[in-house]
Amino acid sequence: MADSQYPYPPDRFDDEADAVTFHGAHRAELPFWRENLLYIIIIGAAVVPLVVRSS
């Protein structure tokens, strides 16, 4: 909606929004282990038989 059509007077939140360069919500990056969980499980499943066989 354009500012000229906004029916309410400006308030303190409008001032804060104008002062901030970034707008919107951003998600935090996933940790390494969480991004690669599938690969970690596959590698772990492949290593377990090797460890069990050698002992």
Protein backbone atom coordinates (compact mmCIF):
# COMPACT_ATOMS: atom_id res chain seq x y z
CA MET A 1 0.00 0.00 0.00
CA ALA A 2 1.39 3.40 -0.90
CA ASP A 3 2.10 5.84 1.92
CA SER A 4 -0.48 8.29 0.58
CA GLN A 5 -3.22 5.65 1.04
CA TYR A 6 -2.16 4.66 4.57
CA PRO A 7 -5.04 5.79 6.83
CA TYR A 8 -3.09 5.97 10.11
CA PRO A 9 -0.67 8.65 11.34
CA PRO A 10 3.01 7.70 11.63
CA ASP A 11 4.13 6.32 15.01
CA ARG A 12 7.40 5.24 16.64
CA PHE A 13 7.41 1.93 14.76
CA ASP A 14 7.42 3.75 11.44
CA ASP A 15 10.46 5.74 12.58
CA GLU A 16 12.29 2.56 13.57
CA ALA A 17 11.41 0.86 10.27
CA ASP A 18 12.85 3.77 8.31
CA ALA A 19 16.10 3.63 10.31
CA VAL A 20 16.71 -0.10 9.65
CA THR A 21 18.30 -1.26 6.40
CA PHE A 22 17.08 -4.87 6.57
CA HIS A 23 13.39 -5.79 6.70
CA GLY A 24 11.68 -9.10 7.31
CA ALA A 25 12.48 -12.24 9.23
CA HIS A 26 15.58 -14.27 8.50
CA ARG A 27 16.22 -17.79 9.59
CA ALA A 28 19.48 -18.67 11.25
CA GLU A 29 21.81 -20.95 9.33
CA LEU A 30 21.54 -24.61 10.16
CA PRO A 31 24.54 -26.09 11.98
CA PHE A 32 26.93 -28.22 9.90
CA TRP A 33 25.78 -31.51 11.42
CA ARG A 34 22.14 -30.70 10.72
CA GLU A 35 22.70 -29.76 7.08
CA ASN A 36 24.68 -32.97 6.48
CA LEU A 37 22.84 -35.38 8.77
CA LEU A 38 21.96 -37.80 5.98
CA TYR A 39 25.58 -38.05 4.85
CA ILE A 40 26.80 -38.49 8.42
CA ILE A 41 24.34 -41.37 8.95
CA ILE A 42 25.36 -43.06 5.68
CA ILE A 43 29.08 -42.77 6.45
CA GLY A 44 28.49 -43.95 10.02
CA ALA A 45 26.53 -46.98 8.77
CA ALA A 46 29.40 -47.85 6.42
CA VAL A 47 32.06 -47.49 9.14
CA VAL A 48 30.28 -49.63 11.77
CA PRO A 49 30.72 -52.94 9.89
CA LEU A 50 34.38 -52.14 9.28
CA VAL A 51 34.97 -51.53 12.99
CA VAL A 52 33.00 -54.61 14.03
CA ARG A 53 34.79 -56.82 11.49
CA SER A 54 38.28 -55.72 12.60
CA SER A 55 37.68 -56.44 16.29
